[in-house]
Amino acid sequence: MSDILKLSYSKMIIEHATAKCKQNGGQLTNKRKQILLCLTGSEKALSAYEIVDLYKEMYSESMSAMSVYRILEFLQEQGLVHRLQIANKYISCMHITCDHNHEASQFLICSNCFKVKEISISSALVEELKENVAQAGFVFASEQLEVNCLCEDCKEL
């Protein structure tokens, strides 16, 4: 992607994220914007400590891991970021710039390089999974589905 397209895409993400936060009664501060842009610029899921390093690289200033965790918590509450339980890493929501509701999210996570792809699955499939889980004597702790996979690049290795 060219630098001009990246800049335009980043601007669009920030505009939508700012509006979403305002609608929810929150504020997207400059630091929150910068952390969000760290995540949107990455194809891979990132840990808070990887975000600290990337933030320092991108903005030439340091931020503590605790500050990053607080910002990530806020961004999660706003529906802008997802925490992947399996990997204990974070990704930006692929629907930040959308103005409509989506089906349930499923995260395909490469267990080798941590590249992540968010896909939507139908509500009917989620309901069927819930029924199967209930028949086995369990309940979903979260409707966020995460699947360990290998991406196209890693499956070739």
N, C-alpha and C. Protein backbone atom coordinates (compact mmCIF):
# COMPACT_ATOMS: atom_id res chain seq x y z
N MET A 1 0.85 -1.17 0.00
CA MET A 1 0.00 0.00 0.00
C MET A 1 0.90 1.23 0.00
N SER A 2 0.58 2.19 -0.83
CA SER A 2 1.39 3.40 -0.91
C SER A 2 1.23 4.23 0.36
N ASP A 3 2.19 5.13 0.58
CA ASP A 3 2.16 5.99 1.76
C ASP A 3 0.92 6.89 1.76
N ILE A 4 0.50 7.35 0.59
CA ILE A 4 -0.68 8.20 0.49
C ILE A 4 -1.93 7.42 0.88
N LEU A 5 -2.04 6.18 0.41
CA LEU A 5 -3.20 5.35 0.78
C LEU A 5 -3.19 5.02 2.26
N LYS A 6 -2.00 4.73 2.81
CA LYS A 6 -1.89 4.44 4.24
C LYS A 6 -2.34 5.64 5.07
N LEU A 7 -1.92 6.82 4.67
CA LEU A 7 -2.28 8.04 5.39
C LEU A 7 -3.79 8.28 5.31
N SER A 8 -4.36 8.08 4.13
CA SER A 8 -5.80 8.26 3.95
C SER A 8 -6.58 7.25 4.77
N TYR A 9 -6.13 5.98 4.77
CA TYR A 9 -6.78 4.93 5.54
C TYR A 9 -6.67 5.22 7.05
N SER A 10 -5.50 5.66 7.48
CA SER A 10 -5.30 6.00 8.90
C SER A 10 -6.22 7.14 9.31
N LYS A 11 -6.34 8.14 8.45
CA LYS A 11 -7.22 9.27 8.74
C LYS A 11 -8.68 8.81 8.86
N MET A 12 -9.10 7.93 7.96
CA MET A 12 -10.46 7.41 7.98
C MET A 12 -10.72 6.60 9.26
N ILE A 13 -9.75 5.79 9.66
CA ILE A 13 -9.88 5.00 10.89
C ILE A 13 -10.03 5.93 12.09
N ILE A 14 -9.20 6.93 12.18
CA ILE A 14 -9.24 7.85 13.32
C ILE A 14 -10.57 8.62 13.35
N GLU A 15 -11.05 9.05 12.19
CA GLU A 15 -12.34 9.75 12.14
C GLU A 15 -13.47 8.87 12.66
N HIS A 16 -13.53 7.63 12.18
CA HIS A 16 -14.59 6.70 12.62
C HIS A 16 -14.43 6.36 14.11
N ALA A 17 -13.20 6.12 14.53
CA ALA A 17 -12.96 5.76 15.94
C ALA A 17 -13.31 6.92 16.86
N THR A 18 -12.97 8.14 16.45
CA THR A 18 -13.29 9.32 17.25
C THR A 18 -14.81 9.47 17.39
N ALA A 19 -15.51 9.30 16.29
CA ALA A 19 -16.98 9.40 16.31
C ALA A 19 -17.60 8.32 17.18
N LYS A 20 -17.07 7.11 17.10
CA LYS A 20 -17.60 6.00 17.90
C LYS A 20 -17.39 6.27 19.39
N CYS A 21 -16.20 6.74 19.75
CA CYS A 21 -15.91 7.06 21.15
C CYS A 21 -16.84 8.17 21.65
N LYS A 22 -17.00 9.20 20.84
CA LYS A 22 -17.87 10.32 21.22
C LYS A 22 -19.30 9.84 21.41
N GLN A 23 -19.76 8.98 20.52
CA GLN A 23 -21.11 8.41 20.61
C GLN A 23 -21.28 7.60 21.90
N ASN A 24 -20.20 6.94 22.34
CA ASN A 24 -20.23 6.13 23.55
C ASN A 24 -19.89 6.93 24.81
N GLY A 25 -19.66 8.23 24.65
CA GLY A 25 -19.34 9.07 25.80
C GLY A 25 -17.87 9.07 26.17
N GLY A 26 -17.02 8.57 25.29
CA GLY A 26 -15.58 8.53 25.55
C GLY A 26 -14.85 9.53 24.67
N GLN A 27 -13.55 9.62 24.88
CA GLN A 27 -12.73 10.53 24.09
C GLN A 27 -11.50 9.79 23.59
N LEU A 28 -11.23 9.93 22.31
CA LEU A 28 -10.05 9.32 21.71
C LEU A 28 -8.91 10.33 21.77
N THR A 29 -8.13 10.25 22.85
CA THR A 29 -7.00 11.17 23.04
C THR A 29 -5.91 10.87 22.03
N ASN A 30 -4.91 11.74 21.96
CA ASN A 30 -3.82 11.56 21.02
C ASN A 30 -3.07 10.25 21.27
N LYS A 31 -2.78 9.92 22.52
CA LYS A 31 -2.08 8.66 22.84
C LYS A 31 -2.92 7.45 22.42
N ARG A 32 -4.22 7.51 22.66
CA ARG A 32 -5.12 6.42 22.27
C ARG A 32 -5.13 6.26 20.75
N LYS A 33 -5.14 7.38 20.04
CA LYS A 33 -5.09 7.33 18.58
C LYS A 33 -3.81 6.65 18.11
N GLN A 34 -2.70 7.04 18.75
CA GLN A 34 -1.41 6.48 18.35
C GLN A 34 -1.33 4.98 18.60
N ILE A 35 -1.85 4.52 19.73
CA ILE A 35 -1.86 3.08 20.01
C ILE A 35 -2.76 2.35 19.02
N LEU A 36 -3.91 2.95 18.71
CA LEU A 36 -4.81 2.35 17.72
C LEU A 36 -4.13 2.24 16.37
N LEU A 37 -3.39 3.27 15.97
CA LEU A 37 -2.68 3.24 14.70
C LEU A 37 -1.55 2.21 14.70
N CYS A 38 -0.93 1.98 15.84
CA CYS A 38 0.07 0.91 15.94
C CYS A 38 -0.59 -0.43 15.58
N LEU A 39 -1.78 -0.65 16.10
CA LEU A 39 -2.47 -1.91 15.86
C LEU A 39 -3.02 -2.02 14.45
N THR A 40 -3.58 -0.93 13.93
CA THR A 40 -4.15 -1.00 12.58
C THR A 40 -3.08 -1.17 11.52
N GLY A 41 -1.87 -0.75 11.84
CA GLY A 41 -0.77 -0.88 10.89
C GLY A 41 -0.11 -2.24 10.90
N SER A 42 -0.56 -3.12 11.77
CA SER A 42 0.07 -4.44 11.89
C SER A 42 -0.88 -5.54 11.40
N GLU A 43 -0.36 -6.47 10.64
CA GLU A 43 -1.15 -7.63 10.23
C GLU A 43 -1.16 -8.69 11.33
N LYS A 44 -0.26 -8.55 12.27
CA LYS A 44 -0.11 -9.55 13.32
C LYS A 44 -0.71 -9.05 14.62
N ALA A 45 -1.11 -10.00 15.43
CA ALA A 45 -1.54 -9.67 16.78
C ALA A 45 -0.30 -9.24 17.56
N LEU A 46 -0.48 -8.25 18.43
CA LEU A 46 0.65 -7.72 19.19
C LEU A 46 0.38 -7.79 20.69
N SER A 47 1.39 -8.13 21.45
CA SER A 47 1.29 -8.07 22.91
C SER A 47 1.44 -6.62 23.33
N ALA A 48 1.10 -6.32 24.55
CA ALA A 48 1.26 -4.96 25.06
C ALA A 48 2.73 -4.53 24.98
N TYR A 49 3.64 -5.46 25.26
CA TYR A 49 5.06 -5.12 25.22
C TYR A 49 5.55 -4.90 23.79
N GLU A 50 4.98 -5.64 22.84
CA GLU A 50 5.31 -5.40 21.43
C GLU A 50 4.77 -4.03 20.99
N ILE A 51 3.62 -3.65 21.53
CA ILE A 51 3.05 -2.33 21.23
C ILE A 51 3.94 -1.24 21.82
N VAL A 52 4.47 -1.45 23.02
CA VAL A 52 5.40 -0.48 23.63
C VAL A 52 6.58 -0.26 22.69
N ASP A 53 7.15 -1.35 22.18
CA ASP A 53 8.31 -1.24 21.28
C ASP A 53 7.94 -0.56 19.96
N LEU A 54 6.80 -0.95 19.39
CA LEU A 54 6.36 -0.36 18.13
C LEU A 54 6.04 1.12 18.30
N TYR A 55 5.42 1.47 19.42
CA TYR A 55 5.10 2.87 19.72
C TYR A 55 6.38 3.70 19.76
N LYS A 56 7.38 3.18 20.42
CA LYS A 56 8.67 3.90 20.52
C LYS A 56 9.29 4.06 19.12
N GLU A 57 9.19 3.02 18.30
CA GLU A 57 9.73 3.06 16.94
C GLU A 57 8.96 4.06 16.07
N MET A 58 7.64 4.06 16.17
CA MET A 58 6.81 4.91 15.32
C MET A 58 6.80 6.38 15.75
N TYR A 59 6.81 6.63 17.05
CA TYR A 59 6.61 7.99 17.55
C TYR A 59 7.83 8.56 18.29
N SER A 60 8.91 7.80 18.34
CA SER A 60 10.17 8.26 18.97
C SER A 60 9.99 8.74 20.40
N GLU A 61 9.08 8.08 21.11
CA GLU A 61 8.92 8.37 22.54
C GLU A 61 8.50 7.09 23.25
N SER A 62 8.75 7.06 24.53
CA SER A 62 8.45 5.87 25.33
C SER A 62 7.07 5.97 25.96
N MET A 63 6.50 4.81 26.20
CA MET A 63 5.25 4.71 26.94
C MET A 63 5.35 3.46 27.79
N SER A 64 4.89 3.54 29.02
CA SER A 64 4.98 2.38 29.92
C SER A 64 3.98 1.31 29.51
N ALA A 65 4.29 0.08 29.85
CA ALA A 65 3.38 -1.03 29.55
C ALA A 65 2.03 -0.83 30.26
N MET A 66 2.04 -0.30 31.48
CA MET A 66 0.78 -0.06 32.21
C MET A 66 -0.09 0.94 31.47
N SER A 67 0.50 1.97 30.90
CA SER A 67 -0.27 2.95 30.12
C SER A 67 -0.85 2.29 28.88
N VAL A 68 -0.07 1.44 28.23
CA VAL A 68 -0.56 0.72 27.05
C VAL A 68 -1.74 -0.18 27.44
N TYR A 69 -1.62 -0.90 28.55
CA TYR A 69 -2.71 -1.76 29.00
C TYR A 69 -3.99 -0.95 29.27
N ARG A 70 -3.84 0.21 29.91
CA ARG A 70 -5.02 1.06 30.18
C ARG A 70 -5.66 1.54 28.88
N ILE A 71 -4.83 1.93 27.93
CA ILE A 71 -5.35 2.39 26.63
C ILE A 71 -6.03 1.24 25.90
N LEU A 72 -5.41 0.06 25.92
CA LEU A 72 -6.01 -1.11 25.27
C LEU A 72 -7.37 -1.45 25.89
N GLU A 73 -7.46 -1.34 27.20
CA GLU A 73 -8.73 -1.60 27.88
C GLU A 73 -9.81 -0.62 27.40
N PHE A 74 -9.45 0.65 27.30
CA PHE A 74 -10.39 1.65 26.79
C PHE A 74 -10.80 1.33 25.36
N LEU A 75 -9.83 1.02 24.51
CA LEU A 75 -10.12 0.73 23.10
C LEU A 75 -10.99 -0.52 22.96
N GLN A 76 -10.80 -1.50 23.83
CA GLN A 76 -11.67 -2.69 23.85
C GLN A 76 -13.09 -2.31 24.22
N GLU A 77 -13.24 -1.52 25.26
CA GLU A 77 -14.57 -1.09 25.70
C GLU A 77 -15.31 -0.35 24.59
N GLN A 78 -14.57 0.35 23.75
CA GLN A 78 -15.17 1.11 22.65
C GLN A 78 -15.43 0.24 21.41
N GLY A 79 -15.00 -1.02 21.45
CA GLY A 79 -15.20 -1.91 20.30
C GLY A 79 -14.24 -1.65 19.16
N LEU A 80 -13.09 -1.06 19.46
CA LEU A 80 -12.10 -0.74 18.44
C LEU A 80 -10.97 -1.75 18.37
N VAL A 81 -10.81 -2.51 19.44
CA VAL A 81 -9.70 -3.46 19.57
C VAL A 81 -10.25 -4.76 20.16
N HIS A 82 -9.66 -5.86 19.75
CA HIS A 82 -10.01 -7.17 20.31
C HIS A 82 -8.80 -7.75 21.03
N ARG A 83 -9.05 -8.38 22.17
CA ARG A 83 -7.99 -9.12 22.87
C ARG A 83 -8.17 -10.59 22.51
N LEU A 84 -7.13 -11.18 21.99
CA LEU A 84 -7.16 -12.60 21.64
C LEU A 84 -6.72 -13.41 22.85
N GLN A 85 -7.63 -14.19 23.38
CA GLN A 85 -7.37 -14.97 24.59
C GLN A 85 -6.27 -16.00 24.36
N ILE A 86 -6.33 -16.70 23.23
CA ILE A 86 -5.39 -17.79 22.95
C ILE A 86 -3.94 -17.28 22.97
N ALA A 87 -3.72 -16.14 22.35
CA ALA A 87 -2.37 -15.62 22.19
C ALA A 87 -2.02 -14.54 23.21
N ASN A 88 -3.01 -14.06 23.96
CA ASN A 88 -2.83 -12.93 24.89
C ASN A 88 -2.21 -11.74 24.16
N LYS A 89 -2.80 -11.46 22.98
CA LYS A 89 -2.35 -10.36 22.15
C LYS A 89 -3.57 -9.57 21.68
N TYR A 90 -3.31 -8.46 21.02
CA TYR A 90 -4.37 -7.54 20.62
C TYR A 90 -4.33 -7.27 19.12
N ILE A 91 -5.51 -7.02 18.55
CA ILE A 91 -5.63 -6.59 17.16
C ILE A 91 -6.70 -5.51 17.08
N SER A 92 -6.63 -4.71 16.04
CA SER A 92 -7.69 -3.73 15.83
C SER A 92 -8.87 -4.43 15.17
N CYS A 93 -10.05 -3.92 15.43
CA CYS A 93 -11.26 -4.48 14.83
C CYS A 93 -11.27 -4.14 13.35
N MET A 94 -11.59 -5.11 12.52
CA MET A 94 -11.61 -4.83 11.08
C MET A 94 -12.84 -4.04 10.67
N HIS A 95 -13.77 -3.83 11.59
CA HIS A 95 -15.01 -3.13 11.29
C HIS A 95 -15.03 -1.69 11.80
N ILE A 96 -13.87 -1.13 12.11
CA ILE A 96 -13.82 0.23 12.67
C ILE A 96 -14.51 1.24 11.76
N THR A 97 -14.32 1.10 10.46
CA THR A 97 -14.85 2.09 9.54
C THR A 97 -16.27 1.78 9.05
N CYS A 98 -16.88 0.73 9.59
CA CYS A 98 -18.23 0.36 9.17
C CYS A 98 -19.28 1.06 10.03
N ASP A 99 -20.41 1.35 9.42
CA ASP A 99 -21.50 2.01 10.13
C ASP A 99 -22.68 1.08 10.38
N HIS A 100 -22.47 -0.22 10.21
CA HIS A 100 -23.57 -1.17 10.40
C HIS A 100 -23.11 -2.33 11.27
N ASN A 101 -24.07 -3.10 11.78
CA ASN A 101 -23.77 -4.24 12.65
C ASN A 101 -23.25 -5.41 11.82
N HIS A 102 -22.48 -6.27 12.48
CA HIS A 102 -21.90 -7.42 11.81
C HIS A 102 -22.28 -8.69 12.54
N GLU A 103 -22.09 -9.79 11.84
CA GLU A 103 -22.29 -11.10 12.44
C GLU A 103 -21.22 -11.30 13.51
N ALA A 104 -21.23 -12.46 14.14
CA ALA A 104 -20.23 -12.77 15.16
C ALA A 104 -18.84 -12.85 14.52
N SER A 105 -17.84 -12.44 15.28
CA SER A 105 -16.47 -12.48 14.79
C SER A 105 -15.80 -13.80 15.14
N GLN A 106 -14.99 -14.26 14.23
CA GLN A 106 -14.14 -15.42 14.46
C GLN A 106 -12.74 -14.98 14.06
N PHE A 107 -11.77 -15.35 14.87
CA PHE A 107 -10.39 -14.94 14.61
C PHE A 107 -9.57 -16.16 14.22
N LEU A 108 -8.97 -16.09 13.05
CA LEU A 108 -8.07 -17.12 12.58
C LEU A 108 -6.67 -16.64 12.94
N ILE A 109 -5.98 -17.40 13.77
CA ILE A 109 -4.70 -16.97 14.32
C ILE A 109 -3.62 -17.95 13.88
N CYS A 110 -2.62 -17.44 13.17
CA CYS A 110 -1.51 -18.30 12.77
C CYS A 110 -0.68 -18.60 14.02
N SER A 111 -0.57 -19.86 14.35
CA SER A 111 0.16 -20.24 15.56
C SER A 111 1.67 -20.11 15.38
N ASN A 112 2.12 -19.85 14.16
CA ASN A 112 3.54 -19.70 13.91
C ASN A 112 3.98 -18.22 13.95
N CYS A 113 3.30 -17.36 13.17
CA CYS A 113 3.73 -15.96 13.07
C CYS A 113 2.76 -14.97 13.72
N PHE A 114 1.63 -15.45 14.21
CA PHE A 114 0.60 -14.64 14.89
C PHE A 114 -0.12 -13.66 13.97
N LYS A 115 -0.04 -13.88 12.66
CA LYS A 115 -0.88 -13.11 11.75
C LYS A 115 -2.32 -13.46 12.08
N VAL A 116 -3.21 -12.48 12.04
CA VAL A 116 -4.61 -12.70 12.42
C VAL A 116 -5.53 -12.20 11.32
N LYS A 117 -6.57 -12.96 11.08
CA LYS A 117 -7.62 -12.55 10.16
C LYS A 117 -8.94 -12.64 10.89
N GLU A 118 -9.68 -11.54 10.91
CA GLU A 118 -11.01 -11.52 11.54
C GLU A 118 -12.03 -11.78 10.43
N ILE A 119 -12.86 -12.78 10.64
CA ILE A 119 -13.93 -13.08 9.69
C ILE A 119 -15.25 -13.09 10.44
N SER A 120 -16.32 -12.87 9.71
CA SER A 120 -17.66 -12.91 10.31
C SER A 120 -18.28 -14.26 10.05
N ILE A 121 -18.96 -14.78 11.05
CA ILE A 121 -19.70 -16.02 10.88
C ILE A 121 -21.16 -15.74 11.24
N SER A 122 -22.04 -16.53 10.70
CA SER A 122 -23.47 -16.29 10.86
C SER A 122 -23.93 -16.56 12.29
N SER A 123 -24.95 -15.85 12.68
CA SER A 123 -25.56 -16.05 14.00
C SER A 123 -26.07 -17.47 14.14
N ALA A 124 -26.58 -18.04 13.04
CA ALA A 124 -27.11 -19.41 13.06
C ALA A 124 -26.00 -20.40 13.44
N LEU A 125 -24.80 -20.19 12.91
CA LEU A 125 -23.68 -21.07 13.23
C LEU A 125 -23.29 -20.93 14.70
N VAL A 126 -23.30 -19.71 15.20
CA VAL A 126 -22.98 -19.48 16.62
C VAL A 126 -24.02 -20.18 17.50
N GLU A 127 -25.28 -20.09 17.13
CA GLU A 127 -26.34 -20.76 17.90
C GLU A 127 -26.17 -22.27 17.86
N GLU A 128 -25.80 -22.81 16.71
CA GLU A 128 -25.56 -24.26 16.59
C GLU A 128 -24.38 -24.67 17.48
N LEU A 129 -23.34 -23.87 17.48
CA LEU A 129 -22.19 -24.15 18.35
C LEU A 129 -22.59 -24.12 19.82
N LYS A 130 -23.41 -23.12 20.19
CA LYS A 130 -23.89 -23.02 21.57
C LYS A 130 -24.66 -24.28 21.97
N GLU A 131 -25.51 -24.75 21.08
CA GLU A 131 -26.28 -25.97 21.35
C GLU A 131 -25.36 -27.18 21.54
N ASN A 132 -24.36 -27.31 20.67
CA ASN A 132 -23.41 -28.42 20.78
C ASN A 132 -22.62 -28.33 22.09
N VAL A 133 -22.23 -27.13 22.45
CA VAL A 133 -21.49 -26.91 23.69
C VAL A 133 -22.37 -27.25 24.89
N ALA A 134 -23.64 -26.83 24.85
CA ALA A 134 -24.58 -27.11 25.95
C ALA A 134 -24.82 -28.62 26.08
N GLN A 135 -24.94 -29.30 24.95
CA GLN A 135 -25.13 -30.76 24.99
C GLN A 135 -23.94 -31.47 25.61
N ALA A 136 -22.79 -30.86 25.52
CA ALA A 136 -21.58 -31.43 26.12
C ALA A 136 -21.44 -31.02 27.59
N GLY A 137 -22.39 -30.21 28.08
CA GLY A 137 -22.36 -29.82 29.48
C GLY A 137 -21.54 -28.56 29.76
N PHE A 138 -21.36 -27.73 28.75
CA PHE A 138 -20.58 -26.50 28.89
C PHE A 138 -21.39 -25.31 28.41
N VAL A 139 -20.90 -24.11 28.70
CA VAL A 139 -21.44 -22.87 28.15
C VAL A 139 -20.28 -22.03 27.65
N PHE A 140 -20.53 -21.21 26.65
CA PHE A 140 -19.50 -20.30 26.16
C PHE A 140 -19.13 -19.31 27.26
N ALA A 141 -17.86 -19.13 27.48
CA ALA A 141 -17.39 -18.07 28.37
C ALA A 141 -17.39 -16.75 27.61
N SER A 142 -17.27 -16.84 26.28
CA SER A 142 -17.26 -15.67 25.40
C SER A 142 -17.72 -16.12 24.03
N GLU A 143 -18.42 -15.25 23.32
CA GLU A 143 -18.83 -15.59 21.96
C GLU A 143 -17.72 -15.31 20.95
N GLN A 144 -16.61 -14.79 21.41
CA GLN A 144 -15.46 -14.55 20.54
C GLN A 144 -14.81 -15.90 20.25
N LEU A 145 -14.81 -16.29 19.00
CA LEU A 145 -14.24 -17.57 18.62
C LEU A 145 -12.84 -17.36 18.04
N GLU A 146 -11.90 -18.15 18.53
CA GLU A 146 -10.51 -18.06 18.09
C GLU A 146 -10.06 -19.44 17.65
N VAL A 147 -9.45 -19.50 16.46
CA VAL A 147 -9.04 -20.78 15.90
C VAL A 147 -7.55 -20.72 15.58
N ASN A 148 -6.81 -21.68 16.10
CA ASN A 148 -5.39 -21.81 15.75
C ASN A 148 -5.29 -22.36 14.34
N CYS A 149 -4.54 -21.67 13.51
CA CYS A 149 -4.38 -22.04 12.11
C CYS A 149 -2.93 -21.83 11.70
N LEU A 150 -2.66 -22.07 10.45
CA LEU A 150 -1.42 -21.65 9.82
C LEU A 150 -1.79 -20.78 8.64
N CYS A 151 -1.18 -19.60 8.53
CA CYS A 151 -1.46 -18.72 7.40
C CYS A 151 -0.82 -19.30 6.13
N GLU A 152 -1.17 -18.72 5.00
CA GLU A 152 -0.64 -19.19 3.71
C GLU A 152 0.88 -19.22 3.69
N ASP A 153 1.51 -18.18 4.25
CA ASP A 153 2.98 -18.11 4.24
C ASP A 153 3.60 -19.20 5.09
N CYS A 154 3.04 -19.44 6.28
CA CYS A 154 3.62 -20.42 7.21
C CYS A 154 3.33 -21.86 6.82
N LYS A 155 2.23 -22.10 6.14
CA LYS A 155 1.93 -23.49 5.74
C LYS A 155 2.92 -23.99 4.70
N GLU A 156 3.59 -23.05 4.01
CA GLU A 156 4.59 -23.40 2.99
C GLU A 156 5.90 -23.84 3.62
N LEU A 157 6.11 -23.47 4.90
CA LEU A 157 7.40 -23.77 5.56
C LEU A 157 7.56 -25.23 5.88
